[in-house]
């Protein structure tokens, strides 16, 4: 049966360099995807405000998922892409005010951590390497909270259990721990797979790329997955559909995508792929 492909990717440490946040090394592969009319969708821990800027810089016009699947956005026709009113939104996760209330209660119970909401933009900038404007965008959240764990490692299981009692989860990203609801990046993958299947009226397969523990569910749910090496801790997956990029960041991302395109282009009916 004829099928089409979409590409779904993490940003930090995957499509974006872990230190510089540059995607320059991936431009060749991004252009190759455009020529093949294969949509590239972002599935990131970043916020909506951060993602729309990165999306514009890269030159994408597709939908995207933010905050580890907590919020999904589909662009409306004719919008500029820089306002929330330019998108149809699906909020899958725990709403941010409720999440902050739970974290406040856990801090009162003695757990030691700091979240982005507790920090100034200057502090977020110092931790992430983002400029002050980008750090401010990182604080504008819908349904998740990055935290810096300041307590003993052996207290993490109790913290995780306390979150679970409030229907919240703790996952490790490329830089931070993330507190979020029952949603994960696989939810976003399933949503956009169904979206494109309805749009194109044919089956859709997904190539997913990521580097962190918070990408594991997305990579497991994809038809083909690429783990991009992380200098701090490379994700270890043993599924048959998982491949490993040969180098970290956007260079590894680009090489993996180009190699994959070479395997599908002989059978790819480009007229049936749509942007």
C-alpha atoms as a PDB file:
ATOM      1  CA  UNK A   1       0.000   0.000   0.000  1.00  0.00           C
ATOM      2  CA  UNK A   2       1.276   3.460  -0.857  1.00  0.00           C
ATOM      3  CA  UNK A   3       2.306   5.544   2.127  1.00  0.00           C
ATOM      4  CA  UNK A   4       3.850   8.926   2.789  1.00  0.00           C
ATOM      5  CA  UNK A   5       6.459   9.992   5.324  1.00  0.00           C
ATOM      6  CA  UNK A   6       6.747  12.784   7.833  1.00  0.00           C
ATOM      7  CA  UNK A   7       9.818  13.649   9.911  1.00  0.00           C
ATOM      8  CA  UNK A   8       9.408  14.554  13.579  1.00  0.00           C
ATOM      9  CA  UNK A   9      12.367  15.913  15.497  1.00  0.00           C
ATOM     10  CA  UNK A  10      13.551  17.136  18.849  1.00  0.00           C
ATOM     11  CA  UNK A  11      15.404  20.465  18.867  1.00  0.00           C
ATOM     12  CA  UNK A  12      18.037  20.983  21.585  1.00  0.00           C
ATOM     13  CA  UNK A  13      20.976  18.641  21.088  1.00  0.00           C
ATOM     14  CA  UNK A  14      19.339  17.135  18.002  1.00  0.00           C
ATOM     15  CA  UNK A  15      18.439  19.584  15.231  1.00  0.00           C
ATOM     16  CA  UNK A  16      20.041  22.410  17.252  1.00  0.00           C
ATOM     17  CA  UNK A  17      23.617  22.315  18.518  1.00  0.00           C
ATOM     18  CA  UNK A  18      23.733  21.612  22.259  1.00  0.00           C
ATOM     19  CA  UNK A  19      25.937  24.638  22.982  1.00  0.00           C
ATOM     20  CA  UNK A  20      25.322  27.202  20.229  1.00  0.00           C
ATOM     21  CA  UNK A  21      21.693  26.384  19.295  1.00  0.00           C
ATOM     22  CA  UNK A  22      22.711  26.612  15.626  1.00  0.00           C
ATOM     23  CA  UNK A  23      21.073  24.413  12.963  1.00  0.00           C
ATOM     24  CA  UNK A  24      23.507  25.408  10.188  1.00  0.00           C
ATOM     25  CA  UNK A  25      24.959  21.898   9.905  1.00  0.00           C
ATOM     26  CA  UNK A  26      21.477  20.534   9.122  1.00  0.00           C
ATOM     27  CA  UNK A  27      20.579  22.936   6.313  1.00  0.00           C
ATOM     28  CA  UNK A  28      21.527  20.498   3.532  1.00  0.00           C
ATOM     29  CA  UNK A  29      19.190  17.818   4.904  1.00  0.00           C
ATOM     30  CA  UNK A  30      16.401  20.331   5.595  1.00  0.00           C
ATOM     31  CA  UNK A  31      16.540  21.466   1.974  1.00  0.00           C
ATOM     32  CA  UNK A  32      16.528  17.841   0.818  1.00  0.00           C
ATOM     33  CA  UNK A  33      13.331  17.232   2.803  1.00  0.00           C
ATOM     34  CA  UNK A  34      11.754  20.274   1.179  1.00  0.00           C
ATOM     35  CA  UNK A  35      12.661  18.995  -2.289  1.00  0.00           C
ATOM     36  CA  UNK A  36      11.102  15.633  -1.428  1.00  0.00           C
ATOM     37  CA  UNK A  37       7.983  17.416  -0.067  1.00  0.00           C
ATOM     38  CA  UNK A  38       8.354  15.617   3.257  1.00  0.00           C
ATOM     39  CA  UNK A  39       7.059  17.717   6.191  1.00  0.00           C
ATOM     40  CA  UNK A  40       9.443  18.269   9.093  1.00  0.00           C
ATOM     41  CA  UNK A  41       7.655  18.805  12.410  1.00  0.00           C
ATOM     42  CA  UNK A  42       9.220  19.983  15.662  1.00  0.00           C
ATOM     43  CA  UNK A  43       8.480  18.039  18.859  1.00  0.00           C
ATOM     44  CA  UNK A  44      10.335  19.847  21.600  1.00  0.00           C
ATOM     45  CA  UNK A  45      10.497  20.691  25.274  1.00  0.00           C
ATOM     46  CA  UNK A  46      10.660  24.366  24.274  1.00  0.00           C
ATOM     47  CA  UNK A  47       7.709  26.699  24.789  1.00  0.00           C
ATOM     48  CA  UNK A  48       5.347  27.977  22.114  1.00  0.00           C
ATOM     49  CA  UNK A  49       7.040  31.393  22.144  1.00  0.00           C
ATOM     50  CA  UNK A  50      10.473  29.834  21.674  1.00  0.00           C
ATOM     51  CA  UNK A  51       9.371  27.361  19.044  1.00  0.00           C
ATOM     52  CA  UNK A  52       7.664  29.802  16.702  1.00  0.00           C
ATOM     53  CA  UNK A  53      10.899  31.791  16.495  1.00  0.00           C
ATOM     54  CA  UNK A  54      13.061  28.708  15.852  1.00  0.00           C
ATOM     55  CA  UNK A  55      10.487  27.424  13.358  1.00  0.00           C
ATOM     56  CA  UNK A  56      10.668  30.714  11.448  1.00  0.00           C
ATOM     57  CA  UNK A  57      14.477  30.750  11.543  1.00  0.00           C
ATOM     58  CA  UNK A  58      14.607  27.233  10.104  1.00  0.00           C
ATOM     59  CA  UNK A  59      11.974  28.097   7.509  1.00  0.00           C
ATOM     60  CA  UNK A  60       9.305  25.574   8.504  1.00  0.00           C
ATOM     61  CA  UNK A  61       5.560  26.097   8.067  1.00  0.00           C
ATOM     62  CA  UNK A  62       4.321  22.867   9.615  1.00  0.00           C
ATOM     63  CA  UNK A  63       2.535  22.195  12.888  1.00  0.00           C
ATOM     64  CA  UNK A  64       4.571  21.496  16.008  1.00  0.00           C
ATOM     65  CA  UNK A  65       4.442  20.216  19.571  1.00  0.00           C
ATOM     66  CA  UNK A  66       5.778  22.070  22.610  1.00  0.00           C
ATOM     67  CA  UNK A  67       6.726  21.200  26.168  1.00  0.00           C
ATOM     68  CA  UNK A  68       7.127  17.465  25.592  1.00  0.00           C
ATOM     69  CA  UNK A  69       3.712  17.022  24.010  1.00  0.00           C
ATOM     70  CA  UNK A  70       1.785  19.221  26.453  1.00  0.00           C
ATOM     71  CA  UNK A  71       0.631  21.605  23.715  1.00  0.00           C
ATOM     72  CA  UNK A  72       0.158  21.030  19.976  1.00  0.00           C
ATOM     73  CA  UNK A  73      -0.254  23.770  17.377  1.00  0.00           C
ATOM     74  CA  UNK A  74      -1.584  23.585  13.810  1.00  0.00           C
ATOM     75  CA  UNK A  75      -1.127  26.712  11.681  1.00  0.00           C
ATOM     76  CA  UNK A  76      -4.199  28.439  10.281  1.00  0.00           C
ATOM     77  CA  UNK A  77      -4.208  29.545   6.659  1.00  0.00           C
ATOM     78  CA  UNK A  78      -3.050  33.105   6.098  1.00  0.00           C
ATOM     79  CA  UNK A  79      -1.542  33.686   9.536  1.00  0.00           C
ATOM     80  CA  UNK A  80       1.857  35.227  10.132  1.00  0.00           C
ATOM     81  CA  UNK A  81       2.863  32.357  12.407  1.00  0.00           C
ATOM     82  CA  UNK A  82       4.007  34.641  15.231  1.00  0.00           C
ATOM     83  CA  UNK A  83       0.783  34.862  17.263  1.00  0.00           C
ATOM     84  CA  UNK A  84      -1.160  32.205  19.155  1.00  0.00           C
ATOM     85  CA  UNK A  85      -4.232  33.273  17.157  1.00  0.00           C
ATOM     86  CA  UNK A  86      -2.471  31.998  14.012  1.00  0.00           C
ATOM     87  CA  UNK A  87      -2.848  28.419  15.267  1.00  0.00           C
ATOM     88  CA  UNK A  88      -5.417  25.894  16.333  1.00  0.00           C
ATOM     89  CA  UNK A  89      -4.165  24.618  19.672  1.00  0.00           C
ATOM     90  CA  UNK A  90      -4.605  21.301  21.472  1.00  0.00           C
ATOM     91  CA  UNK A  91      -3.543  21.345  25.145  1.00  0.00           C
ATOM     92  CA  UNK A  92      -2.936  17.741  26.185  1.00  0.00           C
ATOM     93  CA  UNK A  93      -1.062  18.254  29.416  1.00  0.00           C
ATOM     94  CA  UNK A  94      -1.673  19.625  32.889  1.00  0.00           C
ATOM     95  CA  UNK A  95      -2.380  23.362  32.826  1.00  0.00           C
ATOM     96  CA  UNK A  96       0.567  25.374  34.092  1.00  0.00           C
ATOM     97  CA  UNK A  97      -1.040  27.082  37.130  1.00  0.00           C
ATOM     98  CA  UNK A  98      -2.125  23.710  38.544  1.00  0.00           C
ATOM     99  CA  UNK A  99       1.338  22.269  37.959  1.00  0.00           C
ATOM    100  CA  UNK A 100       2.983  25.174  39.798  1.00  0.00           C
ATOM    101  CA  UNK A 101       0.607  24.709  42.721  1.00  0.00           C
ATOM    102  CA  UNK A 102       1.672  21.077  43.084  1.00  0.00           C
ATOM    103  CA  UNK A 103       5.363  21.995  42.895  1.00  0.00           C
ATOM    104  CA  UNK A 104       4.861  24.628  45.590  1.00  0.00           C
ATOM    105  CA  UNK A 105       3.276  22.003  47.842  1.00  0.00           C
ATOM    106  CA  UNK A 106       6.167  19.592  47.273  1.00  0.00           C
ATOM    107  CA  UNK A 107       8.697  22.292  48.073  1.00  0.00           C
ATOM    108  CA  UNK A 108       6.809  22.892  51.330  1.00  0.00           C
ATOM    109  CA  UNK A 109       7.266  19.172  52.050  1.00  0.00           C
ATOM    110  CA  UNK A 110      11.032  19.642  51.923  1.00  0.00           C
ATOM    111  CA  UNK A 111      12.091  18.734  48.393  1.00  0.00           C
ATOM    112  CA  UNK A 112      14.844  21.020  47.085  1.00  0.00           C
ATOM    113  CA  UNK A 113      14.638  22.198  43.462  1.00  0.00           C
ATOM    114  CA  UNK A 114      14.263  25.325  41.379  1.00  0.00           C
ATOM    115  CA  UNK A 115      12.020  25.689  38.362  1.00  0.00           C
ATOM    116  CA  UNK A 116      11.980  28.262  35.589  1.00  0.00           C
ATOM    117  CA  UNK A 117       9.072  29.996  37.326  1.00  0.00           C
ATOM    118  CA  UNK A 118      11.307  30.512  40.370  1.00  0.00           C
ATOM    119  CA  UNK A 119      14.063  32.084  38.284  1.00  0.00           C
ATOM    120  CA  UNK A 120      14.555  35.430  36.633  1.00  0.00           C
ATOM    121  CA  UNK A 121      15.196  35.534  32.904  1.00  0.00           C
ATOM    122  CA  UNK A 122      18.815  36.315  33.774  1.00  0.00           C
ATOM    123  CA  UNK A 123      19.113  33.080  35.786  1.00  0.00           C
ATOM    124  CA  UNK A 124      17.530  31.059  32.977  1.00  0.00           C
ATOM    125  CA  UNK A 125      19.952  32.693  30.563  1.00  0.00           C
ATOM    126  CA  UNK A 126      22.934  31.738  32.728  1.00  0.00           C
ATOM    127  CA  UNK A 127      21.765  28.113  32.952  1.00  0.00           C
ATOM    128  CA  UNK A 128      20.892  27.641  29.294  1.00  0.00           C
ATOM    129  CA  UNK A 129      23.228  29.966  27.400  1.00  0.00           C
ATOM    130  CA  UNK A 130      20.215  31.694  25.855  1.00  0.00           C
ATOM    131  CA  UNK A 131      20.205  35.446  25.420  1.00  0.00           C
ATOM    132  CA  UNK A 132      17.933  37.393  27.781  1.00  0.00           C
ATOM    133  CA  UNK A 133      15.091  37.715  25.265  1.00  0.00           C
ATOM    134  CA  UNK A 134      15.117  33.993  24.484  1.00  0.00           C
ATOM    135  CA  UNK A 135      15.298  33.175  28.199  1.00  0.00           C
ATOM    136  CA  UNK A 136      12.156  35.252  28.756  1.00  0.00           C
ATOM    137  CA  UNK A 137      10.406  33.240  26.036  1.00  0.00           C
ATOM    138  CA  UNK A 138      11.483  30.023  27.780  1.00  0.00           C
ATOM    139  CA  UNK A 139       9.566  31.153  30.875  1.00  0.00           C
ATOM    140  CA  UNK A 140       6.249  31.509  28.968  1.00  0.00           C
ATOM    141  CA  UNK A 141       4.873  28.018  29.556  1.00  0.00           C
ATOM    142  CA  UNK A 142       1.617  26.130  28.903  1.00  0.00           C
ATOM    143  CA  UNK A 143       1.924  22.773  30.634  1.00  0.00           C
ATOM    144  CA  UNK A 144       5.381  21.775  31.885  1.00  0.00           C
ATOM    145  CA  UNK A 145       8.163  23.058  34.123  1.00  0.00           C
ATOM    146  CA  UNK A 146      11.908  22.473  33.716  1.00  0.00           C
ATOM    147  CA  UNK A 147      13.593  22.126  37.097  1.00  0.00           C
ATOM    148  CA  UNK A 148      17.110  21.962  38.488  1.00  0.00           C
ATOM    149  CA  UNK A 149      17.261  19.246  41.142  1.00  0.00           C
ATOM    150  CA  UNK A 150      19.090  20.531  44.232  1.00  0.00           C
ATOM    151  CA  UNK A 151      18.384  17.656  46.581  1.00  0.00           C
ATOM    152  CA  UNK A 152      20.091  14.313  47.120  1.00  0.00           C
ATOM    153  CA  UNK A 153      19.826  11.874  44.217  1.00  0.00           C
ATOM    154  CA  UNK A 154      18.265   9.242  46.476  1.00  0.00           C
ATOM    155  CA  UNK A 155      15.274  11.545  47.049  1.00  0.00           C
ATOM    156  CA  UNK A 156      14.319  11.545  43.378  1.00  0.00           C
ATOM    157  CA  UNK A 157      12.189   8.355  43.628  1.00  0.00           C
ATOM    158  CA  UNK A 158      10.117   9.872  46.450  1.00  0.00           C
ATOM    159  CA  UNK A 159       9.732  13.088  44.466  1.00  0.00           C
ATOM    160  CA  UNK A 160       8.659  11.124  41.417  1.00  0.00           C
ATOM    161  CA  UNK A 161       6.125   9.184  43.497  1.00  0.00           C
ATOM    162  CA  UNK A 162       4.716  12.373  45.015  1.00  0.00           C
ATOM    163  CA  UNK A 163       4.258  13.803  41.522  1.00  0.00           C
ATOM    164  CA  UNK A 164       2.552  10.598  40.352  1.00  0.00           C
ATOM    165  CA  UNK A 165      -0.001  10.943  43.146  1.00  0.00           C
ATOM    166  CA  UNK A 166      -0.971  14.248  41.493  1.00  0.00           C
ATOM    167  CA  UNK A 167      -1.047  12.690  37.977  1.00  0.00           C
ATOM    168  CA  UNK A 168       2.248  14.353  37.076  1.00  0.00           C
ATOM    169  CA  UNK A 169       5.463  12.851  35.700  1.00  0.00           C
ATOM    170  CA  UNK A 170       9.183  13.576  35.898  1.00  0.00           C
ATOM    171  CA  UNK A 171      11.316  13.055  32.804  1.00  0.00           C
ATOM    172  CA  UNK A 172      14.917  13.947  32.059  1.00  0.00           C
ATOM    173  CA  UNK A 173      15.571  16.127  29.043  1.00  0.00           C
ATOM    174  CA  UNK A 174      18.810  17.151  27.414  1.00  0.00           C
ATOM    175  CA  UNK A 175      19.568  19.749  30.115  1.00  0.00           C
ATOM    176  CA  UNK A 176      16.876  19.666  32.813  1.00  0.00           C
ATOM    177  CA  UNK A 177      14.360  17.506  34.571  1.00  0.00           C
ATOM    178  CA  UNK A 178      10.851  18.267  33.284  1.00  0.00           C
ATOM    179  CA  UNK A 179       7.661  18.035  35.340  1.00  0.00           C
ATOM    180  CA  UNK A 180       4.566  17.520  33.193  1.00  0.00           C
ATOM    181  CA  UNK A 181       1.232  15.729  32.979  1.00  0.00           C
ATOM    182  CA  UNK A 182       0.397  12.328  31.528  1.00  0.00           C
ATOM    183  CA  UNK A 183       1.286  13.553  28.036  1.00  0.00           C
ATOM    184  CA  UNK A 184       4.560  12.776  26.298  1.00  0.00           C
ATOM    185  CA  UNK A 185       6.155  13.249  22.891  1.00  0.00           C
ATOM    186  CA  UNK A 186       4.562  10.050  21.586  1.00  0.00           C
ATOM    187  CA  UNK A 187       1.126  11.666  21.998  1.00  0.00           C
ATOM    188  CA  UNK A 188       2.222  14.415  19.632  1.00  0.00           C
ATOM    189  CA  UNK A 189       3.567  11.866  17.156  1.00  0.00           C
ATOM    190  CA  UNK A 190       0.259   9.964  17.121  1.00  0.00           C
ATOM    191  CA  UNK A 191      -1.730  13.183  16.793  1.00  0.00           C
ATOM    192  CA  UNK A 192       0.198  14.434  13.773  1.00  0.00           C
ATOM    193  CA  UNK A 193       0.299  10.986  12.162  1.00  0.00           C
ATOM    194  CA  UNK A 194      -3.497  10.913  12.269  1.00  0.00           C
ATOM    195  CA  UNK A 195      -3.646  14.529  11.109  1.00  0.00           C
ATOM    196  CA  UNK A 196      -1.622  13.830   7.965  1.00  0.00           C
ATOM    197  CA  UNK A 197      -3.398  10.546   7.294  1.00  0.00           C
ATOM    198  CA  UNK A 198      -6.706  12.410   7.215  1.00  0.00           C
ATOM    199  CA  UNK A 199      -5.217  15.258   5.183  1.00  0.00           C
ATOM    200  CA  UNK A 200      -3.614  12.995   2.588  1.00  0.00           C
ATOM    201  CA  UNK A 201      -6.115  10.125   2.754  1.00  0.00           C
ATOM    202  CA  UNK A 202      -3.382   7.504   2.874  1.00  0.00           C
ATOM    203  CA  UNK A 203      -1.192   5.793   5.499  1.00  0.00           C
ATOM    204  CA  UNK A 204       1.637   7.820   7.003  1.00  0.00           C
ATOM    205  CA  UNK A 205       4.944   6.654   8.436  1.00  0.00           C
ATOM    206  CA  UNK A 206       7.191   8.657  10.753  1.00  0.00           C
ATOM    207  CA  UNK A 207      10.948   9.099  10.982  1.00  0.00           C
ATOM    208  CA  UNK A 208      11.711  10.494  14.452  1.00  0.00           C
ATOM    209  CA  UNK A 209      14.988  11.922  15.742  1.00  0.00           C
ATOM    210  CA  UNK A 210      15.955  12.773  19.320  1.00  0.00           C
ATOM    211  CA  UNK A 211      18.724  12.657  21.908  1.00  0.00           C
ATOM    212  CA  UNK A 212      17.216  12.666  25.409  1.00  0.00           C
ATOM    213  CA  UNK A 213      15.178  10.480  27.753  1.00  0.00           C
ATOM    214  CA  UNK A 214      12.172  12.687  27.041  1.00  0.00           C
ATOM    215  CA  UNK A 215      12.447  11.632  23.378  1.00  0.00           C
ATOM    216  CA  UNK A 216      12.287   7.907  24.141  1.00  0.00           C
ATOM    217  CA  UNK A 217       8.503   7.568  23.822  1.00  0.00           C
ATOM    218  CA  UNK A 218       8.506   9.419  20.479  1.00  0.00           C
ATOM    219  CA  UNK A 219      11.348   7.282  19.152  1.00  0.00           C
ATOM    220  CA  UNK A 220       9.636   4.085  20.294  1.00  0.00           C
ATOM    221  CA  UNK A 221       6.376   5.081  18.583  1.00  0.00           C
ATOM    222  CA  UNK A 222       8.006   5.986  15.250  1.00  0.00           C
ATOM    223  CA  UNK A 223       8.315   3.654  12.272  1.00  0.00           C
ATOM    224  CA  UNK A 224      12.019   4.491  12.066  1.00  0.00           C
ATOM    225  CA  UNK A 225      13.981   6.279  14.785  1.00  0.00           C
ATOM    226  CA  UNK A 226      17.384   7.911  15.010  1.00  0.00           C
ATOM    227  CA  UNK A 227      19.108   8.542  18.331  1.00  0.00           C
ATOM    228  CA  UNK A 228      21.450  11.507  18.049  1.00  0.00           C
ATOM    229  CA  UNK A 229      24.405  11.081  20.459  1.00  0.00           C
ATOM    230  CA  UNK A 230      24.342  13.343  23.508  1.00  0.00           C
ATOM    231  CA  UNK A 231      27.764  14.336  24.916  1.00  0.00           C
ATOM    232  CA  UNK A 232      26.415  14.054  28.470  1.00  0.00           C
ATOM    233  CA  UNK A 233      24.441  10.800  28.270  1.00  0.00           C
ATOM    234  CA  UNK A 234      23.480   9.035  25.045  1.00  0.00           C
ATOM    235  CA  UNK A 235      20.045   7.439  25.072  1.00  0.00           C
ATOM    236  CA  UNK A 236      20.255   3.645  24.834  1.00  0.00           C
ATOM    237  CA  UNK A 237      17.456   1.947  22.881  1.00  0.00           C
ATOM    238  CA  UNK A 238      17.618  -1.573  21.467  1.00  0.00           C
ATOM    239  CA  UNK A 239      14.499  -1.726  19.260  1.00  0.00           C
ATOM    240  CA  UNK A 240      15.082  -3.008  15.726  1.00  0.00           C
ATOM    241  CA  UNK A 241      13.742   0.201  14.160  1.00  0.00           C
ATOM    242  CA  UNK A 242      16.252   2.423  16.028  1.00  0.00           C
ATOM    243  CA  UNK A 243      19.447   3.686  14.396  1.00  0.00           C
ATOM    244  CA  UNK A 244      22.233   5.825  15.849  1.00  0.00           C
ATOM    245  CA  UNK A 245      23.626   8.942  14.232  1.00  0.00           C
ATOM    246  CA  UNK A 246      27.400   8.895  13.916  1.00  0.00           C
ATOM    247  CA  UNK A 247      27.989  12.317  15.475  1.00  0.00           C
ATOM    248  CA  UNK A 248      26.088  14.646  17.869  1.00  0.00           C
ATOM    249  CA  UNK A 249      23.830  17.576  17.055  1.00  0.00           C
ATOM    250  CA  UNK A 250      22.722  18.932  13.701  1.00  0.00           C
ATOM    251  CA  UNK A 251      25.627  17.376  11.808  1.00  0.00           C
ATOM    252  CA  UNK A 252      24.616  13.902  12.968  1.00  0.00           C
ATOM    253  CA  UNK A 253      20.963  14.787  12.325  1.00  0.00           C
ATOM    254  CA  UNK A 254      21.742  15.853   8.779  1.00  0.00           C
ATOM    255  CA  UNK A 255      23.834  12.792   7.934  1.00  0.00           C
ATOM    256  CA  UNK A 256      21.149  10.467   9.290  1.00  0.00           C
ATOM    257  CA  UNK A 257      18.340  12.186   7.359  1.00  0.00           C
ATOM    258  CA  UNK A 258      20.321  12.238   4.110  1.00  0.00           C
ATOM    259  CA  UNK A 259      21.191   8.553   4.470  1.00  0.00           C
ATOM    260  CA  UNK A 260      17.521   7.733   5.109  1.00  0.00           C
ATOM    261  CA  UNK A 261      16.395   9.767   2.095  1.00  0.00           C
ATOM    262  CA  UNK A 262      18.729   7.750  -0.117  1.00  0.00           C
ATOM    263  CA  UNK A 263      17.001   4.546   1.021  1.00  0.00           C
ATOM    264  CA  UNK A 264      13.462   5.732   0.302  1.00  0.00           C
ATOM    265  CA  UNK A 265      13.871   7.946  -2.771  1.00  0.00           C
ATOM    266  CA  UNK A 266      13.940   5.051  -5.294  1.00  0.00           C
ATOM    267  CA  UNK A 267      10.441   4.067  -4.134  1.00  0.00           C
ATOM    268  CA  UNK A 268       9.264   7.533  -3.163  1.00  0.00           C
ATOM    269  CA  UNK A 269       6.498   8.876  -5.338  1.00  0.00           C
ATOM    270  CA  UNK A 270       7.230  12.540  -4.701  1.00  0.00           C
ATOM    271  CA  UNK A 271       3.974  13.579  -6.352  1.00  0.00           C
ATOM    272  CA  UNK A 272       2.160  11.919  -3.471  1.00  0.00           C
ATOM    273  CA  UNK A 273       4.157  13.712  -0.782  1.00  0.00           C
ATOM    274  CA  UNK A 274       2.724  17.006   0.374  1.00  0.00           C
ATOM    275  CA  UNK A 275       4.142  19.879   2.402  1.00  0.00           C
END
